[in-house]
Amino acid sequence: LFDLVSGPAATTAAAGRWRGLRVVAVDGTLLPVPDCPANLAVFTRQRLGNGTSGYPQLRLAALVACGTRSVIGAVFGPATHGELEYARRLVDSLRAGMLLLGDRNFASAALMNQLAATGADLLVRCKTNRNLPLVARCHDGSILTRIGPLTMRVIDAEIAIRTAQGTRTGHYRLLTTLTDPTAHPAGELVRLYHERWEIETAYAELKSTILGGRVLRARTPEGIEQEVWALLTAYQALRTAMTDATDSASGTDPDRAGFTTALAAARDQLVLAAGVITSTDTDLVGTIGRHVLAHLLPARRVRTKDRIVKRAISKYNARGPAIDRTTYKATINITMLTSSP
């Protein structure tokens, strides 16, 4: 069923495309499963500091369309296998015309060569001190390098974020198969890389909004497999309904569709058993879509927020200075750096 509904969610909006390329992201996450003998035979607890996780963990890896946060492909299994292994199983979901965003964990030479062989282009962050051979210099300060048989462009940039609390800077290095600096400007690629966070938001919607932070329910590995596919199918159905709704309102970015609104509307439909027998009229917006359009989120603005735990596991305050939980408006400045080999 998931195979039937999976995909980038068709939209006429420009969101999710950059210079003709569909922007997608790959990443992994962990889901806790019930602590019982049958599950422990397949799923293991993860090491956490000096101890282990309270529940066995399942690792999920997905390929997500950044414009609509819809799931193009997904694989999962024991957390004993790493993200790179699961990412290799997603290559069949990649196509020419896609631009794949990945974090530093996916900058493996072997994996990037395998992903690029699909015809998709790559934009992957790597360590700033990674030793890369110089093949040629580009007019914008970036360089060309070779990673195995693959020619890639190295883009170094310093990103400064200024808020009312001051300015913070960071050095970022990106690798991309888009080697023409005129057709694919480095500054635009640096800004585009921020779209990788869309997959993090998708995982938050799966784990925090749909599951409410709860542990999966099934007490057998077969039941866990069925439950995860059901979770992904429900998520994808909601994302498709949300995209159909925003697509019906010209100029509406899919980012403005509220996932919580769509989920609540869908749950109400189930509770009321409404629309069980559909009419012969095609209604792409539907009840869920009408709720989404009636409660559109405001357009996104530039702002910054540290990655912090909003609700701590312990009821006691952590030692140290108080955490600033204010969200600040931000101004971002990007300075291209001349790459060195």
Protein backbone atom coordinates (compact mmCIF):
# COMPACT_ATOMS: atom_id res chain seq x y z
CA LEU A 1 0.00 0.00 0.00
CA PHE A 2 2.84 2.39 0.78
CA ASP A 3 4.36 1.68 -2.63
CA LEU A 4 1.08 2.79 -4.21
CA VAL A 5 0.96 6.16 -2.41
CA SER A 6 4.68 6.97 -2.13
CA GLY A 7 6.21 9.65 -4.31
CA PRO A 8 7.09 13.36 -4.36
CA ALA A 9 3.41 14.55 -4.40
CA ALA A 10 2.65 16.30 -7.68
CA THR A 11 2.34 20.07 -7.43
CA THR A 12 2.27 22.95 -9.86
CA ALA A 13 4.02 25.17 -7.30
CA ALA A 14 7.69 26.04 -7.78
CA ALA A 15 8.41 24.86 -4.23
CA GLY A 16 10.76 21.93 -4.11
CA ARG A 17 12.54 22.69 -7.38
CA TRP A 18 15.73 24.62 -7.93
CA ARG A 19 16.88 25.48 -11.45
CA GLY A 20 14.84 22.60 -12.84
CA LEU A 21 16.02 20.04 -10.28
CA ARG A 22 13.73 18.39 -7.73
CA VAL A 23 15.31 18.90 -4.31
CA VAL A 24 15.23 15.79 -2.10
CA ALA A 25 16.94 14.82 1.15
CA VAL A 26 18.09 11.59 2.75
CA ASP A 27 18.56 10.94 6.45
CA GLY A 28 17.85 8.39 9.17
CA THR A 29 16.12 8.34 12.53
CA LEU A 30 15.41 5.92 15.38
CA LEU A 31 12.04 4.65 16.62
CA PRO A 32 11.58 2.80 19.94
CA VAL A 33 9.81 -0.58 19.88
CA PRO A 34 8.24 -2.51 22.78
CA ASP A 35 10.68 -4.22 25.13
CA CYS A 36 9.70 -7.88 24.82
CA PRO A 37 11.58 -11.12 24.01
CA ALA A 38 10.32 -11.41 20.43
CA ASN A 39 11.37 -7.85 19.53
CA LEU A 40 14.70 -8.16 21.36
CA ALA A 41 15.59 -11.08 19.09
CA VAL A 42 15.70 -8.59 16.16
CA PHE A 43 15.99 -5.09 17.60
CA THR A 44 18.60 -4.11 20.19
CA ARG A 45 19.03 -1.28 22.65
CA GLN A 46 21.34 1.56 21.66
CA ARG A 47 24.31 2.77 23.69
CA LEU A 48 23.64 6.13 25.34
CA GLY A 49 26.61 7.58 27.19
CA ASN A 50 27.42 5.16 29.98
CA GLY A 51 24.24 3.12 29.57
CA THR A 52 21.75 1.88 26.99
CA SER A 53 18.37 3.03 25.75
CA GLY A 54 15.36 1.88 27.73
CA TYR A 55 13.68 0.41 24.66
CA PRO A 56 15.03 -1.51 21.66
CA GLN A 57 15.46 0.72 18.62
CA LEU A 58 14.48 0.50 14.96
CA ARG A 59 16.36 2.56 12.35
CA LEU A 60 14.33 4.21 9.60
CA ALA A 61 15.92 5.87 6.55
CA ALA A 62 13.87 7.84 4.04
CA LEU A 63 14.13 9.87 0.88
CA VAL A 64 11.91 12.95 1.21
CA ALA A 65 10.90 15.62 -1.31
CA CYS A 66 11.88 18.89 0.36
CA GLY A 67 9.14 21.00 -1.24
CA THR A 68 6.20 18.94 0.05
CA ARG A 69 7.90 16.73 2.71
CA SER A 70 6.34 13.71 1.04
CA VAL A 71 8.15 10.36 1.21
CA ILE A 72 9.60 9.05 -2.04
CA GLY A 73 11.13 5.92 -0.54
CA ALA A 74 11.76 4.37 2.87
CA VAL A 75 13.61 1.41 4.36
CA PHE A 76 13.98 0.28 7.96
CA GLY A 77 15.29 -2.49 10.17
CA PRO A 78 17.50 -3.13 13.21
CA ALA A 79 19.50 -0.17 14.49
CA THR A 80 22.60 -2.37 14.49
CA HIS A 81 22.88 -1.48 10.78
CA GLY A 82 24.02 2.09 10.11
CA GLU A 83 22.45 4.90 8.10
CA LEU A 84 24.83 4.39 5.18
CA GLU A 85 23.77 0.78 4.75
CA TYR A 86 20.11 1.78 4.64
CA ALA A 87 20.88 4.71 2.31
CA ARG A 88 22.33 2.26 -0.22
CA ARG A 89 18.97 0.51 -0.27
CA LEU A 90 17.29 3.76 -1.36
CA VAL A 91 19.24 4.15 -4.61
CA ASP A 92 16.35 2.68 -6.63
CA SER A 93 14.24 5.68 -5.59
CA LEU A 94 16.71 8.21 -7.06
CA ARG A 95 16.35 9.54 -10.59
CA ALA A 96 18.08 11.91 -12.96
CA GLY A 97 16.69 15.40 -12.40
CA MET A 98 16.90 15.10 -8.60
CA LEU A 99 19.31 17.02 -6.37
CA LEU A 100 20.01 14.98 -3.23
CA LEU A 101 20.93 16.78 0.01
CA GLY A 102 22.78 14.89 2.75
CA ASP A 103 24.62 15.67 5.96
CA ARG A 104 28.26 14.85 6.75
CA ASN A 105 27.43 11.25 7.53
CA PHE A 106 26.65 10.66 3.84
CA ALA A 107 29.94 12.07 2.51
CA SER A 108 31.42 8.58 2.18
CA ALA A 109 33.33 8.25 -1.11
CA ALA A 110 31.85 4.84 -1.92
CA LEU A 111 28.28 5.95 -1.11
CA MET A 112 28.50 9.20 -3.10
CA ASN A 113 29.77 7.34 -6.15
CA GLN A 114 26.92 4.83 -5.81
CA LEU A 115 24.30 7.58 -5.43
CA ALA A 116 25.68 9.61 -8.35
CA ALA A 117 25.55 6.53 -10.59
CA THR A 118 21.73 6.79 -10.49
CA GLY A 119 21.92 10.04 -12.50
CA ALA A 120 20.85 12.18 -9.53
CA ASP A 121 23.00 15.16 -8.53
CA LEU A 122 24.40 15.51 -5.00
CA LEU A 123 24.88 18.34 -2.51
CA VAL A 124 26.49 16.90 0.62
CA ARG A 125 28.22 18.56 3.53
CA CYS A 126 31.64 17.24 4.56
CA LYS A 127 34.23 17.97 7.25
CA THR A 128 36.06 21.25 6.72
CA ASN A 129 39.45 19.59 7.26
CA ARG A 130 38.90 16.78 4.77
CA ASN A 131 41.92 16.35 2.50
CA LEU A 132 40.77 16.69 -1.11
CA PRO A 133 43.01 16.74 -4.21
CA LEU A 134 42.93 19.90 -6.32
CA VAL A 135 41.94 19.26 -9.95
CA ALA A 136 40.99 22.79 -11.06
CA ARG A 137 39.95 26.15 -9.68
CA CYS A 138 36.64 27.79 -10.58
CA HIS A 139 36.15 31.53 -11.08
CA ASP A 140 33.93 31.81 -7.98
CA GLY A 141 36.59 30.48 -5.59
CA SER A 142 35.32 26.90 -5.49
CA ILE A 143 37.50 24.05 -6.72
CA LEU A 144 37.05 20.77 -8.56
CA THR A 145 38.25 17.58 -6.93
CA ARG A 146 38.14 13.84 -7.54
CA ILE A 147 36.54 11.42 -5.09
CA GLY A 148 37.24 8.05 -6.61
CA PRO A 149 36.09 8.23 -10.26
CA LEU A 150 33.63 11.04 -9.38
CA THR A 151 34.41 14.69 -10.16
CA MET A 152 32.93 17.00 -7.54
CA ARG A 153 32.98 20.70 -6.76
CA VAL A 154 34.08 21.90 -3.33
CA ILE A 155 32.34 24.99 -1.95
CA ASP A 156 33.63 26.64 1.23
CA ALA A 157 31.58 29.34 2.91
CA GLU A 158 31.44 31.24 6.17
CA ILE A 159 27.88 31.72 7.37
CA ALA A 160 27.17 34.47 9.89
CA ILE A 161 23.84 34.67 11.73
CA ARG A 162 23.12 38.01 13.42
CA THR A 163 20.34 38.43 15.99
CA ALA A 164 19.62 40.86 18.80
CA GLN A 165 21.82 38.66 21.00
CA GLY A 166 24.89 38.98 18.78
CA THR A 167 26.53 37.26 15.83
CA ARG A 168 27.66 33.65 15.38
CA THR A 169 29.71 32.36 12.48
CA GLY A 170 30.48 28.90 11.16
CA HIS A 171 32.58 27.39 8.38
CA TYR A 172 30.74 25.03 6.05
CA ARG A 173 32.16 22.86 3.26
CA LEU A 174 29.86 21.36 0.64
CA LEU A 175 30.53 18.77 -2.06
CA THR A 176 28.39 18.77 -5.19
CA THR A 177 28.28 17.03 -8.55
CA LEU A 178 27.07 20.33 -10.07
CA THR A 179 30.46 21.40 -11.38
CA ASP A 180 29.49 24.45 -13.49
CA PRO A 181 29.71 27.57 -11.28
CA THR A 182 27.86 29.68 -13.85
CA ALA A 183 24.85 27.37 -14.19
CA HIS A 184 24.77 26.56 -10.47
CA PRO A 185 26.09 29.51 -8.40
CA ALA A 186 27.86 28.59 -5.19
CA GLY A 187 26.00 31.16 -3.06
CA GLU A 188 22.64 29.73 -4.11
CA LEU A 189 23.79 26.19 -3.33
CA VAL A 190 24.88 27.22 0.16
CA ARG A 191 21.46 28.73 0.83
CA LEU A 192 19.70 25.76 -0.75
CA TYR A 193 21.47 23.31 1.57
CA HIS A 194 19.30 24.61 4.43
CA GLU A 195 16.38 22.76 2.79
CA ARG A 196 17.89 19.54 4.15
CA TRP A 197 16.11 20.36 7.41
CA GLU A 198 12.77 19.55 5.76
CA ILE A 199 13.43 15.85 6.34
CA GLU A 200 14.06 16.55 10.04
CA THR A 201 10.65 18.25 10.17
CA ALA A 202 9.08 15.25 8.43
CA TYR A 203 10.53 12.93 11.09
CA ALA A 204 9.21 15.24 13.82
CA GLU A 205 5.73 15.01 12.26
CA LEU A 206 5.95 11.21 12.22
CA LYS A 207 7.34 10.76 15.73
CA SER A 208 5.98 13.72 17.70
CA THR A 209 2.73 14.63 15.93
CA ILE A 210 1.31 11.28 14.77
CA LEU A 211 2.86 9.04 17.44
CA GLY A 212 2.89 11.72 20.14
CA GLY A 213 6.29 10.48 21.27
CA ARG A 214 4.86 7.06 22.08
CA VAL A 215 6.61 3.72 21.61
CA LEU A 216 5.35 1.56 18.74
CA ARG A 217 2.76 -1.00 19.91
CA ALA A 218 3.45 -4.32 18.18
CA ARG A 219 5.13 -7.03 20.25
CA THR A 220 6.52 -9.06 17.36
CA PRO A 221 8.96 -8.07 14.58
CA GLU A 222 6.30 -8.90 11.97
CA GLY A 223 3.83 -6.64 13.72
CA ILE A 224 6.45 -3.85 13.95
CA GLU A 225 7.04 -4.08 10.20
CA GLN A 226 3.32 -3.77 9.49
CA GLU A 227 2.97 -0.88 11.94
CA VAL A 228 5.82 1.17 10.43
CA TRP A 229 4.48 0.72 6.89
CA ALA A 230 1.05 1.79 8.17
CA LEU A 231 2.59 4.85 9.84
CA LEU A 232 4.38 5.85 6.63
CA THR A 233 1.24 5.26 4.54
CA ALA A 234 -0.91 7.42 6.82
CA TYR A 235 1.74 10.16 6.78
CA GLN A 236 2.00 10.07 2.99
CA ALA A 237 -1.79 10.17 2.55
CA LEU A 238 -1.95 13.29 4.72
CA ARG A 239 0.93 14.93 2.85
CA THR A 240 -0.79 14.21 -0.48
CA ALA A 241 -4.05 15.74 0.78
CA MET A 242 -2.17 18.81 2.05
CA THR A 243 -0.36 19.28 -1.27
CA ASP A 244 -3.62 18.94 -3.24
CA ALA A 245 -5.12 21.63 -1.01
CA THR A 246 -2.31 24.19 -1.33
CA ASP A 247 -2.05 23.46 -5.05
CA SER A 248 -5.69 24.49 -5.46
CA ALA A 249 -4.90 27.97 -4.10
CA SER A 250 -2.58 29.61 -6.62
CA GLY A 251 0.64 30.95 -5.14
CA THR A 252 0.31 29.07 -1.83
CA ASP A 253 3.55 27.45 -0.68
CA PRO A 254 3.11 23.88 0.67
CA ASP A 255 5.10 25.02 3.74
CA ARG A 256 2.01 26.94 4.87
CA ALA A 257 -0.07 23.77 5.26
CA GLY A 258 -0.28 22.76 8.93
CA PHE A 259 0.37 19.06 9.52
CA THR A 260 -1.35 19.11 12.93
CA THR A 261 -4.44 20.65 11.31
CA ALA A 262 -4.53 17.94 8.63
CA LEU A 263 -4.07 15.16 11.18
CA ALA A 264 -6.85 16.48 13.43
CA ALA A 265 -9.22 16.78 10.46
CA ALA A 266 -8.44 13.22 9.37
CA ARG A 267 -9.03 11.86 12.88
CA ASP A 268 -12.36 13.70 13.07
CA GLN A 269 -13.40 12.11 9.77
CA LEU A 270 -12.66 8.66 11.18
CA VAL A 271 -14.45 9.29 14.47
CA LEU A 272 -17.51 10.61 12.64
CA ALA A 273 -17.28 7.92 9.93
CA ALA A 274 -17.86 10.77 7.50
CA GLY A 275 -17.52 10.24 3.77
CA VAL A 276 -17.30 6.46 4.04
CA ILE A 277 -19.32 6.17 0.84
CA THR A 278 -18.00 8.78 -1.55
CA SER A 279 -19.95 10.55 -4.23
CA THR A 280 -19.10 10.29 -7.90
CA ASP A 281 -17.85 13.88 -7.93
CA THR A 282 -14.08 14.30 -7.77
CA ASP A 283 -13.04 16.57 -4.90
CA LEU A 284 -9.26 16.87 -4.74
CA VAL A 285 -9.37 19.35 -1.86
CA GLY A 286 -11.78 17.43 0.35
CA THR A 287 -12.59 17.97 4.01
CA ILE A 288 -8.97 17.70 5.16
CA GLY A 289 -7.86 20.17 2.49
CA ARG A 290 -10.55 22.67 3.40
CA HIS A 291 -9.42 22.60 7.04
CA VAL A 292 -5.82 23.14 5.92
CA LEU A 293 -6.74 26.11 3.72
CA ALA A 294 -8.83 27.65 6.50
CA HIS A 295 -5.88 27.52 8.91
CA LEU A 296 -2.84 28.30 6.78
CA LEU A 297 0.40 28.96 8.62
CA PRO A 298 2.07 32.36 8.11
CA ALA A 299 4.83 32.59 5.53
CA ARG A 300 8.21 31.54 6.89
CA ARG A 301 10.57 34.24 8.06
CA VAL A 302 14.29 34.14 8.70
CA ARG A 303 14.87 33.17 12.31
CA THR A 304 17.14 31.00 14.40
CA LYS A 305 16.60 28.53 17.21
CA ASP A 306 19.12 26.34 18.98
CA ARG A 307 18.51 22.59 18.98
CA ILE A 308 17.49 22.06 22.60
CA VAL A 309 15.33 19.62 24.50
CA LYS A 310 12.03 21.34 25.21
CA ARG A 311 10.86 18.73 27.73
CA ALA A 312 13.66 17.13 29.71
CA ILE A 313 13.50 13.48 30.75
CA SER A 314 14.23 14.42 34.36
CA LYS A 315 11.90 16.61 36.40
CA TYR A 316 14.95 18.28 37.94
CA ASN A 317 16.64 21.26 36.32
CA ALA A 318 19.97 20.58 34.69
CA ARG A 319 22.98 22.21 36.28
CA GLY A 320 24.58 25.15 34.58
CA PRO A 321 23.33 28.41 33.09
CA ALA A 322 19.67 28.77 32.18
CA ILE A 323 18.79 27.97 28.55
CA ASP A 324 17.59 30.89 26.47
CA ARG A 325 14.38 29.59 24.86
CA THR A 326 13.60 32.76 22.92
CA THR A 327 13.27 32.54 19.13
CA TYR A 328 15.00 35.48 17.47
CA LYS A 329 14.60 37.04 14.06
CA ALA A 330 17.87 36.65 12.22
CA THR A 331 19.90 38.12 9.38
CA ILE A 332 22.08 35.63 7.51
CA ASN A 333 25.23 36.63 5.64
CA ILE A 334 27.20 34.21 3.45
CA THR A 335 30.83 34.83 2.53
CA MET A 336 32.41 32.57 -0.06
CA LEU A 337 35.86 31.36 0.92
CA THR A 338 38.63 30.43 -1.51
CA SER A 339 38.97 26.67 -1.18
CA SER A 340 42.37 25.16 -0.66
CA PRO A 341 43.36 21.57 -1.49
